[in-house]
Amino acid sequence: MELTLSILLGFMIIGALFSLHAKDLLSAVIACGIVGYSLVICFLLLRAPDLAIVQIVVETITLIIMVAVVLNSTREELKVKIDTRQIINISLALLFIVVLFFFFIQATDMLNPFGEHTLRMASAYVGETAAKTGSANLVTGIVFDFRGYDTLGEATVLFTAALGVLTILRLKGKK
């Protein structure tokens, strides 16, 4: 699993560097999407499906809005001429997609089948939540007492994504 995570981290670094140096804004946005979706696969490999769900929702919404903003921006469209550089870029993008899909399949194969539970920490949570937290609701006790920082982090990610979207939309409205 460490090798898979290292390879994905390499893809994420390459995608981040490409997004910084891309000459086309749409290519930079798609490279940022590669970084985000690679992070989803990393979360799945680390057996954190709750974080993967939050990341995939935020990444998809952000990517859709950013692509829509780029496509609706006022700029002159260049005439499309297919040259060898574009063919190489498209083939490399398809290769990245195939490799990421391969790692996604590996990550989902490592998860438990739907309906089966892994009780590594769940038995301690279920048995001791009422006594340690004083909460009558088991889910509330776990989410806000045992996993409070995790919940705070997820709320921060969602808030930051919403703030970024509002900032992008407001900047477009001012122009």
N, C-alpha and C. Protein backbone atom coordinates (compact mmCIF):
# COMPACT_ATOMS: atom_id res chain seq x y z
N MET A 1 0.83 -1.19 0.00
CA MET A 1 0.00 0.00 0.00
C MET A 1 0.88 1.25 0.00
N GLU A 2 2.05 1.19 0.63
CA GLU A 2 2.93 2.35 0.66
C GLU A 2 3.41 2.72 -0.73
N LEU A 3 3.65 1.70 -1.57
CA LEU A 3 4.09 1.96 -2.94
C LEU A 3 2.97 2.65 -3.72
N THR A 4 1.76 2.18 -3.55
CA THR A 4 0.62 2.79 -4.24
C THR A 4 0.43 4.24 -3.79
N LEU A 5 0.51 4.49 -2.49
CA LEU A 5 0.38 5.85 -1.99
C LEU A 5 1.52 6.75 -2.50
N SER A 6 2.72 6.19 -2.60
CA SER A 6 3.86 6.97 -3.10
C SER A 6 3.66 7.33 -4.56
N ILE A 7 3.17 6.39 -5.35
CA ILE A 7 2.92 6.67 -6.77
C ILE A 7 1.83 7.73 -6.92
N LEU A 8 0.76 7.61 -6.12
CA LEU A 8 -0.30 8.61 -6.17
C LEU A 8 0.20 9.98 -5.72
N LEU A 9 1.04 10.00 -4.71
CA LEU A 9 1.63 11.27 -4.27
C LEU A 9 2.47 11.89 -5.38
N GLY A 10 3.19 11.05 -6.11
CA GLY A 10 3.95 11.55 -7.27
C GLY A 10 3.05 12.16 -8.32
N PHE A 11 1.91 11.49 -8.62
CA PHE A 11 0.94 12.05 -9.57
C PHE A 11 0.38 13.37 -9.06
N MET A 12 0.13 13.44 -7.76
CA MET A 12 -0.41 14.67 -7.20
C MET A 12 0.60 15.82 -7.32
N ILE A 13 1.86 15.53 -7.08
CA ILE A 13 2.90 16.56 -7.20
C ILE A 13 3.04 17.00 -8.65
N ILE A 14 3.04 16.03 -9.57
CA ILE A 14 3.13 16.37 -11.00
C ILE A 14 1.93 17.21 -11.42
N GLY A 15 0.73 16.82 -10.99
CA GLY A 15 -0.47 17.59 -11.33
C GLY A 15 -0.43 19.00 -10.77
N ALA A 16 0.05 19.14 -9.53
CA ALA A 16 0.14 20.47 -8.93
C ALA A 16 1.16 21.34 -9.66
N LEU A 17 2.30 20.76 -10.00
CA LEU A 17 3.30 21.53 -10.74
C LEU A 17 2.81 21.89 -12.13
N PHE A 18 2.12 20.97 -12.79
CA PHE A 18 1.57 21.27 -14.11
C PHE A 18 0.54 22.38 -14.04
N SER A 19 -0.28 22.36 -12.99
CA SER A 19 -1.30 23.41 -12.87
C SER A 19 -0.67 24.78 -12.64
N LEU A 20 0.49 24.82 -12.01
CA LEU A 20 1.17 26.09 -11.80
C LEU A 20 1.80 26.64 -13.09
N HIS A 21 2.25 25.73 -13.96
CA HIS A 21 2.98 26.15 -15.15
C HIS A 21 2.18 25.99 -16.43
N ALA A 22 0.91 25.66 -16.35
CA ALA A 22 0.10 25.48 -17.55
C ALA A 22 -0.15 26.81 -18.22
N LYS A 23 -0.10 26.81 -19.54
CA LYS A 23 -0.35 28.04 -20.28
C LYS A 23 -1.84 28.25 -20.51
N ASP A 24 -2.62 27.19 -20.50
CA ASP A 24 -4.06 27.28 -20.68
C ASP A 24 -4.74 27.14 -19.33
N LEU A 25 -5.68 28.00 -19.04
CA LEU A 25 -6.35 28.01 -17.74
C LEU A 25 -7.19 26.74 -17.54
N LEU A 26 -7.81 26.24 -18.59
CA LEU A 26 -8.60 25.02 -18.47
C LEU A 26 -7.73 23.82 -18.13
N SER A 27 -6.54 23.77 -18.71
CA SER A 27 -5.61 22.68 -18.39
C SER A 27 -5.18 22.75 -16.92
N ALA A 28 -5.00 23.95 -16.41
CA ALA A 28 -4.62 24.11 -15.01
C ALA A 28 -5.75 23.65 -14.08
N VAL A 29 -6.98 23.95 -14.44
CA VAL A 29 -8.12 23.52 -13.63
C VAL A 29 -8.24 22.00 -13.64
N ILE A 30 -8.06 21.38 -14.79
CA ILE A 30 -8.14 19.93 -14.88
C ILE A 30 -7.00 19.28 -14.10
N ALA A 31 -5.82 19.88 -14.13
CA ALA A 31 -4.70 19.34 -13.34
C ALA A 31 -4.99 19.43 -11.85
N CYS A 32 -5.65 20.50 -11.42
CA CYS A 32 -6.07 20.58 -10.01
C CYS A 32 -7.07 19.49 -9.68
N GLY A 33 -7.94 19.16 -10.64
CA GLY A 33 -8.89 18.07 -10.45
C GLY A 33 -8.19 16.73 -10.29
N ILE A 34 -7.11 16.53 -11.04
CA ILE A 34 -6.33 15.29 -10.91
C ILE A 34 -5.77 15.18 -9.50
N VAL A 35 -5.29 16.28 -8.95
CA VAL A 35 -4.77 16.28 -7.59
C VAL A 35 -5.87 15.92 -6.59
N GLY A 36 -7.05 16.53 -6.75
CA GLY A 36 -8.15 16.26 -5.82
C GLY A 36 -8.66 14.84 -5.89
N TYR A 37 -8.83 14.31 -7.10
CA TYR A 37 -9.32 12.95 -7.23
C TYR A 37 -8.27 11.92 -6.80
N SER A 38 -6.98 12.25 -6.93
CA SER A 38 -5.94 11.37 -6.40
C SER A 38 -6.02 11.32 -4.88
N LEU A 39 -6.36 12.45 -4.28
CA LEU A 39 -6.53 12.49 -2.82
C LEU A 39 -7.70 11.61 -2.39
N VAL A 40 -8.75 11.57 -3.19
CA VAL A 40 -9.88 10.67 -2.90
C VAL A 40 -9.41 9.22 -2.86
N ILE A 41 -8.60 8.84 -3.84
CA ILE A 41 -8.09 7.47 -3.87
C ILE A 41 -7.18 7.21 -2.67
N CYS A 42 -6.37 8.19 -2.29
CA CYS A 42 -5.52 8.03 -1.09
C CYS A 42 -6.38 7.81 0.15
N PHE A 43 -7.47 8.58 0.29
CA PHE A 43 -8.35 8.39 1.44
C PHE A 43 -8.96 6.99 1.43
N LEU A 44 -9.32 6.50 0.25
CA LEU A 44 -9.88 5.14 0.18
C LEU A 44 -8.83 4.09 0.56
N LEU A 45 -7.59 4.29 0.11
CA LEU A 45 -6.53 3.35 0.47
C LEU A 45 -6.25 3.36 1.97
N LEU A 46 -6.40 4.50 2.59
CA LEU A 46 -6.17 4.62 4.03
C LEU A 46 -7.42 4.27 4.85
N ARG A 47 -8.43 3.75 4.18
CA ARG A 47 -9.68 3.30 4.80
C ARG A 47 -10.37 4.43 5.56
N ALA A 48 -10.50 5.56 4.88
CA ALA A 48 -11.24 6.70 5.42
C ALA A 48 -12.32 7.10 4.42
N PRO A 49 -13.36 6.27 4.27
CA PRO A 49 -14.37 6.57 3.25
C PRO A 49 -15.17 7.84 3.55
N ASP A 50 -15.27 8.23 4.82
CA ASP A 50 -16.00 9.46 5.14
C ASP A 50 -15.27 10.68 4.57
N LEU A 51 -13.95 10.69 4.69
CA LEU A 51 -13.18 11.79 4.11
C LEU A 51 -13.19 11.73 2.59
N ALA A 52 -13.19 10.52 2.05
CA ALA A 52 -13.24 10.37 0.59
C ALA A 52 -14.55 10.92 0.03
N ILE A 53 -15.65 10.68 0.73
CA ILE A 53 -16.94 11.19 0.27
C ILE A 53 -16.95 12.72 0.29
N VAL A 54 -16.47 13.30 1.38
CA VAL A 54 -16.42 14.76 1.47
C VAL A 54 -15.52 15.32 0.37
N GLN A 55 -14.37 14.72 0.17
CA GLN A 55 -13.42 15.20 -0.84
C GLN A 55 -13.99 15.08 -2.24
N ILE A 56 -14.66 13.99 -2.56
CA ILE A 56 -15.19 13.82 -3.92
C ILE A 56 -16.34 14.78 -4.18
N VAL A 57 -17.14 15.07 -3.18
CA VAL A 57 -18.23 16.04 -3.36
C VAL A 57 -17.65 17.43 -3.57
N VAL A 58 -16.73 17.83 -2.71
CA VAL A 58 -16.13 19.16 -2.82
C VAL A 58 -15.36 19.29 -4.13
N GLU A 59 -14.61 18.27 -4.49
CA GLU A 59 -13.80 18.31 -5.71
C GLU A 59 -14.68 18.39 -6.95
N THR A 60 -15.75 17.62 -6.99
CA THR A 60 -16.63 17.63 -8.15
C THR A 60 -17.33 18.98 -8.30
N ILE A 61 -17.88 19.49 -7.21
CA ILE A 61 -18.56 20.78 -7.28
C ILE A 61 -17.59 21.88 -7.67
N THR A 62 -16.42 21.89 -7.05
CA THR A 62 -15.43 22.92 -7.35
C THR A 62 -14.96 22.82 -8.80
N LEU A 63 -14.72 21.60 -9.27
CA LEU A 63 -14.25 21.42 -10.63
C LEU A 63 -15.30 21.86 -11.65
N ILE A 64 -16.56 21.53 -11.41
CA ILE A 64 -17.63 21.94 -12.32
C ILE A 64 -17.75 23.45 -12.37
N ILE A 65 -17.72 24.09 -11.22
CA ILE A 65 -17.85 25.55 -11.18
C ILE A 65 -16.64 26.22 -11.82
N MET A 66 -15.45 25.71 -11.54
CA MET A 66 -14.26 26.33 -12.12
C MET A 66 -14.22 26.16 -13.63
N VAL A 67 -14.61 24.99 -14.14
CA VAL A 67 -14.65 24.79 -15.59
C VAL A 67 -15.71 25.70 -16.21
N ALA A 68 -16.87 25.83 -15.55
CA ALA A 68 -17.91 26.72 -16.07
C ALA A 68 -17.43 28.16 -16.12
N VAL A 69 -16.72 28.60 -15.09
CA VAL A 69 -16.20 29.96 -15.08
C VAL A 69 -15.17 30.16 -16.18
N VAL A 70 -14.29 29.19 -16.37
CA VAL A 70 -13.27 29.31 -17.41
C VAL A 70 -13.92 29.32 -18.79
N LEU A 71 -14.89 28.46 -19.01
CA LEU A 71 -15.54 28.40 -20.33
C LEU A 71 -16.41 29.63 -20.60
N ASN A 72 -16.95 30.24 -19.57
CA ASN A 72 -17.78 31.43 -19.76
C ASN A 72 -17.01 32.72 -19.68
N SER A 73 -15.71 32.64 -19.52
CA SER A 73 -14.92 33.86 -19.40
C SER A 73 -14.82 34.55 -20.77
N THR A 74 -14.58 35.82 -20.72
CA THR A 74 -14.48 36.58 -21.96
C THR A 74 -13.05 36.56 -22.44
N ARG A 75 -12.79 35.72 -23.40
CA ARG A 75 -11.47 35.63 -24.02
C ARG A 75 -11.68 35.16 -25.45
N GLU A 76 -10.74 35.48 -26.27
CA GLU A 76 -10.85 35.06 -27.65
C GLU A 76 -10.44 33.60 -27.75
N GLU A 77 -11.23 32.86 -28.46
CA GLU A 77 -10.91 31.46 -28.68
C GLU A 77 -9.92 31.35 -29.84
N LEU A 78 -8.90 30.58 -29.65
CA LEU A 78 -7.92 30.36 -30.71
C LEU A 78 -8.43 29.29 -31.66
N LYS A 79 -8.01 29.38 -32.89
CA LYS A 79 -8.38 28.35 -33.84
C LYS A 79 -7.67 27.06 -33.46
N VAL A 80 -8.39 25.98 -33.52
CA VAL A 80 -7.84 24.70 -33.08
C VAL A 80 -7.02 24.09 -34.21
N LYS A 81 -5.76 23.92 -33.92
CA LYS A 81 -4.87 23.22 -34.85
C LYS A 81 -4.27 22.06 -34.08
N ILE A 82 -4.45 20.88 -34.57
CA ILE A 82 -3.93 19.71 -33.88
C ILE A 82 -2.49 19.49 -34.33
N ASP A 83 -1.58 19.58 -33.39
CA ASP A 83 -0.19 19.32 -33.67
C ASP A 83 0.30 18.18 -32.78
N THR A 84 1.55 17.83 -32.93
CA THR A 84 2.09 16.70 -32.18
C THR A 84 2.11 16.96 -30.67
N ARG A 85 2.31 18.21 -30.28
CA ARG A 85 2.32 18.53 -28.84
C ARG A 85 0.96 18.26 -28.21
N GLN A 86 -0.11 18.63 -28.90
CA GLN A 86 -1.45 18.37 -28.37
C GLN A 86 -1.74 16.88 -28.32
N ILE A 87 -1.30 16.15 -29.31
CA ILE A 87 -1.51 14.70 -29.31
C ILE A 87 -0.76 14.07 -28.14
N ILE A 88 0.44 14.53 -27.87
CA ILE A 88 1.21 14.01 -26.74
C ILE A 88 0.52 14.36 -25.43
N ASN A 89 0.03 15.60 -25.30
CA ASN A 89 -0.66 16.01 -24.07
C ASN A 89 -1.93 15.20 -23.85
N ILE A 90 -2.68 14.98 -24.90
CA ILE A 90 -3.92 14.19 -24.77
C ILE A 90 -3.60 12.75 -24.41
N SER A 91 -2.58 12.18 -25.03
CA SER A 91 -2.23 10.79 -24.70
C SER A 91 -1.70 10.67 -23.27
N LEU A 92 -0.94 11.68 -22.80
CA LEU A 92 -0.48 11.65 -21.41
C LEU A 92 -1.65 11.80 -20.44
N ALA A 93 -2.61 12.65 -20.78
CA ALA A 93 -3.79 12.80 -19.93
C ALA A 93 -4.57 11.50 -19.86
N LEU A 94 -4.73 10.84 -20.99
CA LEU A 94 -5.43 9.54 -21.00
C LEU A 94 -4.66 8.49 -20.20
N LEU A 95 -3.34 8.53 -20.29
CA LEU A 95 -2.52 7.61 -19.51
C LEU A 95 -2.70 7.85 -18.01
N PHE A 96 -2.71 9.13 -17.60
CA PHE A 96 -2.95 9.47 -16.19
C PHE A 96 -4.32 8.98 -15.75
N ILE A 97 -5.32 9.15 -16.58
CA ILE A 97 -6.67 8.71 -16.23
C ILE A 97 -6.71 7.19 -16.07
N VAL A 98 -6.06 6.47 -16.96
CA VAL A 98 -6.04 5.00 -16.86
C VAL A 98 -5.32 4.56 -15.60
N VAL A 99 -4.19 5.19 -15.29
CA VAL A 99 -3.43 4.82 -14.09
C VAL A 99 -4.23 5.14 -12.83
N LEU A 100 -4.85 6.33 -12.78
CA LEU A 100 -5.67 6.68 -11.62
C LEU A 100 -6.86 5.73 -11.48
N PHE A 101 -7.47 5.34 -12.60
CA PHE A 101 -8.58 4.39 -12.54
C PHE A 101 -8.10 3.03 -12.03
N PHE A 102 -6.90 2.61 -12.42
CA PHE A 102 -6.33 1.36 -11.94
C PHE A 102 -6.15 1.39 -10.42
N PHE A 103 -5.61 2.50 -9.91
CA PHE A 103 -5.42 2.62 -8.47
C PHE A 103 -6.76 2.75 -7.74
N PHE A 104 -7.74 3.36 -8.39
CA PHE A 104 -9.07 3.45 -7.80
C PHE A 104 -9.67 2.05 -7.65
N ILE A 105 -9.52 1.22 -8.65
CA ILE A 105 -10.02 -0.16 -8.57
C ILE A 105 -9.31 -0.92 -7.46
N GLN A 106 -8.00 -0.73 -7.34
CA GLN A 106 -7.26 -1.39 -6.26
C GLN A 106 -7.74 -0.91 -4.91
N ALA A 107 -7.99 0.38 -4.77
CA ALA A 107 -8.42 0.93 -3.48
C ALA A 107 -9.81 0.43 -3.12
N THR A 108 -10.71 0.35 -4.07
CA THR A 108 -12.06 -0.12 -3.75
C THR A 108 -12.09 -1.62 -3.51
N ASP A 109 -11.16 -2.37 -4.09
CA ASP A 109 -11.10 -3.81 -3.82
C ASP A 109 -10.65 -4.09 -2.39
N MET A 110 -9.90 -3.17 -1.79
CA MET A 110 -9.42 -3.36 -0.43
C MET A 110 -10.50 -3.07 0.61
N LEU A 111 -11.57 -2.39 0.22
CA LEU A 111 -12.65 -2.09 1.16
C LEU A 111 -13.48 -3.33 1.42
N ASN A 112 -14.17 -3.32 2.54
CA ASN A 112 -15.05 -4.43 2.87
C ASN A 112 -16.23 -4.45 1.91
N PRO A 113 -16.79 -5.62 1.64
CA PRO A 113 -18.01 -5.66 0.83
C PRO A 113 -19.13 -4.90 1.52
N PHE A 114 -20.06 -4.41 0.72
CA PHE A 114 -21.16 -3.60 1.25
C PHE A 114 -21.96 -4.41 2.26
N GLY A 115 -22.16 -3.85 3.43
CA GLY A 115 -22.94 -4.51 4.48
C GLY A 115 -22.10 -5.23 5.51
N GLU A 116 -20.82 -5.50 5.23
CA GLU A 116 -19.95 -6.13 6.21
C GLU A 116 -19.22 -5.05 7.00
N HIS A 117 -19.04 -5.30 8.28
CA HIS A 117 -18.46 -4.30 9.15
C HIS A 117 -17.07 -4.73 9.63
N THR A 118 -16.21 -3.75 9.79
CA THR A 118 -14.92 -3.97 10.43
C THR A 118 -15.02 -3.33 11.81
N LEU A 119 -14.87 -4.11 12.84
CA LEU A 119 -15.07 -3.61 14.20
C LEU A 119 -13.73 -3.38 14.90
N ARG A 120 -12.84 -2.65 14.25
CA ARG A 120 -11.57 -2.35 14.91
C ARG A 120 -11.80 -1.41 16.09
N MET A 121 -12.41 -0.28 15.84
CA MET A 121 -12.66 0.70 16.88
C MET A 121 -14.13 0.80 17.25
N ALA A 122 -14.99 0.25 16.43
CA ALA A 122 -16.43 0.43 16.65
C ALA A 122 -16.89 -0.19 17.96
N SER A 123 -16.32 -1.32 18.34
CA SER A 123 -16.77 -1.96 19.58
C SER A 123 -16.45 -1.08 20.79
N ALA A 124 -15.29 -0.42 20.79
CA ALA A 124 -14.95 0.49 21.89
C ALA A 124 -15.87 1.70 21.89
N TYR A 125 -16.19 2.21 20.73
CA TYR A 125 -17.11 3.35 20.64
C TYR A 125 -18.50 2.97 21.15
N VAL A 126 -19.01 1.86 20.69
CA VAL A 126 -20.37 1.47 21.04
C VAL A 126 -20.47 1.15 22.53
N GLY A 127 -19.47 0.50 23.07
CA GLY A 127 -19.54 0.08 24.46
C GLY A 127 -19.32 1.18 25.47
N GLU A 128 -18.53 2.20 25.12
CA GLU A 128 -18.13 3.18 26.12
C GLU A 128 -18.61 4.60 25.86
N THR A 129 -19.38 4.82 24.81
CA THR A 129 -19.78 6.19 24.46
C THR A 129 -20.67 6.81 25.53
N ALA A 130 -21.68 6.09 25.97
CA ALA A 130 -22.62 6.66 26.95
C ALA A 130 -21.92 6.98 28.27
N ALA A 131 -21.02 6.11 28.69
CA ALA A 131 -20.34 6.33 29.96
C ALA A 131 -19.31 7.47 29.88
N LYS A 132 -18.57 7.56 28.78
CA LYS A 132 -17.51 8.55 28.67
C LYS A 132 -18.01 9.94 28.28
N THR A 133 -19.07 10.00 27.48
CA THR A 133 -19.52 11.31 26.99
C THR A 133 -20.74 11.84 27.71
N GLY A 134 -21.54 10.96 28.28
CA GLY A 134 -22.77 11.39 28.91
C GLY A 134 -23.86 11.72 27.92
N SER A 135 -23.66 11.36 26.68
CA SER A 135 -24.64 11.65 25.63
C SER A 135 -25.61 10.49 25.51
N ALA A 136 -26.89 10.81 25.39
CA ALA A 136 -27.89 9.77 25.21
C ALA A 136 -27.90 9.26 23.78
N ASN A 137 -27.47 10.10 22.84
CA ASN A 137 -27.43 9.72 21.44
C ASN A 137 -26.03 9.21 21.10
N LEU A 138 -25.92 7.99 20.64
CA LEU A 138 -24.64 7.36 20.35
C LEU A 138 -23.90 8.09 19.24
N VAL A 139 -24.60 8.44 18.17
CA VAL A 139 -23.95 9.10 17.04
C VAL A 139 -23.43 10.48 17.43
N THR A 140 -24.21 11.24 18.16
CA THR A 140 -23.78 12.57 18.59
C THR A 140 -22.56 12.47 19.50
N GLY A 141 -22.55 11.52 20.40
CA GLY A 141 -21.41 11.34 21.30
C GLY A 141 -20.14 11.00 20.54
N ILE A 142 -20.25 10.15 19.55
CA ILE A 142 -19.06 9.77 18.76
C ILE A 142 -18.58 10.93 17.91
N VAL A 143 -19.51 11.57 17.19
CA VAL A 143 -19.11 12.61 16.25
C VAL A 143 -18.53 13.83 16.97
N PHE A 144 -19.14 14.25 18.06
CA PHE A 144 -18.70 15.50 18.68
C PHE A 144 -17.69 15.31 19.80
N ASP A 145 -17.58 14.13 20.40
CA ASP A 145 -16.60 13.94 21.46
C ASP A 145 -15.37 13.17 20.98
N PHE A 146 -15.58 11.97 20.45
CA PHE A 146 -14.44 11.16 20.03
C PHE A 146 -13.81 11.66 18.74
N ARG A 147 -14.63 12.14 17.83
CA ARG A 147 -14.12 12.56 16.52
C ARG A 147 -14.36 14.04 16.30
N GLY A 148 -14.23 14.83 17.31
CA GLY A 148 -14.50 16.25 17.22
C GLY A 148 -13.58 16.99 16.27
N TYR A 149 -12.28 16.69 16.32
CA TYR A 149 -11.33 17.37 15.43
C TYR A 149 -11.55 16.95 13.98
N ASP A 150 -11.87 15.70 13.76
CA ASP A 150 -12.16 15.22 12.42
C ASP A 150 -13.38 15.94 11.85
N THR A 151 -14.43 16.06 12.67
CA THR A 151 -15.64 16.76 12.24
C THR A 151 -15.35 18.23 11.99
N LEU A 152 -14.53 18.84 12.83
CA LEU A 152 -14.15 20.24 12.63
C LEU A 152 -13.36 20.40 11.33
N GLY A 153 -12.48 19.45 11.04
CA GLY A 153 -11.72 19.50 9.79
C GLY A 153 -12.61 19.37 8.57
N GLU A 154 -13.57 18.46 8.61
CA GLU A 154 -14.49 18.30 7.48
C GLU A 154 -15.35 19.55 7.29
N ALA A 155 -15.81 20.14 8.38
CA ALA A 155 -16.59 21.37 8.27
C ALA A 155 -15.73 22.50 7.72
N THR A 156 -14.45 22.54 8.09
CA THR A 156 -13.55 23.57 7.58
C THR A 156 -13.33 23.40 6.08
N VAL A 157 -13.19 22.16 5.62
CA VAL A 157 -13.02 21.91 4.18
C VAL A 157 -14.25 22.36 3.42
N LEU A 158 -15.43 22.01 3.90
CA LEU A 158 -16.66 22.41 3.23
C LEU A 158 -16.83 23.94 3.23
N PHE A 159 -16.53 24.58 4.35
CA PHE A 159 -16.64 26.03 4.44
C PHE A 159 -15.65 26.70 3.49
N THR A 160 -14.42 26.20 3.43
CA THR A 160 -13.42 26.78 2.55
C THR A 160 -13.81 26.62 1.09
N ALA A 161 -14.35 25.47 0.72
CA ALA A 161 -14.79 25.27 -0.66
C ALA A 161 -15.93 26.22 -1.01
N ALA A 162 -16.89 26.37 -0.10
CA ALA A 162 -18.01 27.28 -0.36
C ALA A 162 -17.51 28.72 -0.46
N LEU A 163 -16.57 29.09 0.39
CA LEU A 163 -16.00 30.44 0.35
C LEU A 163 -15.24 30.68 -0.96
N GLY A 164 -14.51 29.69 -1.43
CA GLY A 164 -13.81 29.80 -2.71
C GLY A 164 -14.76 29.97 -3.88
N VAL A 165 -15.84 29.20 -3.87
CA VAL A 165 -16.83 29.31 -4.94
C VAL A 165 -17.47 30.69 -4.94
N LEU A 166 -17.85 31.17 -3.77
CA LEU A 166 -18.45 32.49 -3.67
C LEU A 166 -17.47 33.59 -4.12
N THR A 167 -16.20 33.42 -3.79
CA THR A 167 -15.20 34.40 -4.21
C THR A 167 -15.05 34.42 -5.73
N ILE A 168 -15.00 33.24 -6.33
CA ILE A 168 -14.87 33.17 -7.79
C ILE A 168 -16.10 33.77 -8.47
N LEU A 169 -17.28 33.44 -7.98
CA LEU A 169 -18.49 33.97 -8.59
C LEU A 169 -18.59 35.48 -8.38
N ARG A 170 -18.15 35.98 -7.25
CA ARG A 170 -18.21 37.43 -6.99
C ARG A 170 -17.21 38.17 -7.85
N LEU A 171 -16.02 37.60 -8.06
CA LEU A 171 -15.05 38.23 -8.92
C LEU A 171 -15.55 38.33 -10.35
N LYS A 172 -16.24 37.30 -10.82
CA LYS A 172 -16.78 37.31 -12.17
C LYS A 172 -17.88 38.37 -12.28
N GLY A 173 -18.67 38.55 -11.23
CA GLY A 173 -19.75 39.54 -11.24
C GLY A 173 -19.23 40.97 -11.27
N LYS A 174 -18.05 41.21 -10.69
CA LYS A 174 -17.49 42.56 -10.66
C LYS A 174 -16.96 42.99 -12.01
N LYS A 175 -16.56 42.04 -12.84
CA LYS A 175 -16.00 42.37 -14.16
C LYS A 175 -17.14 42.75 -15.04
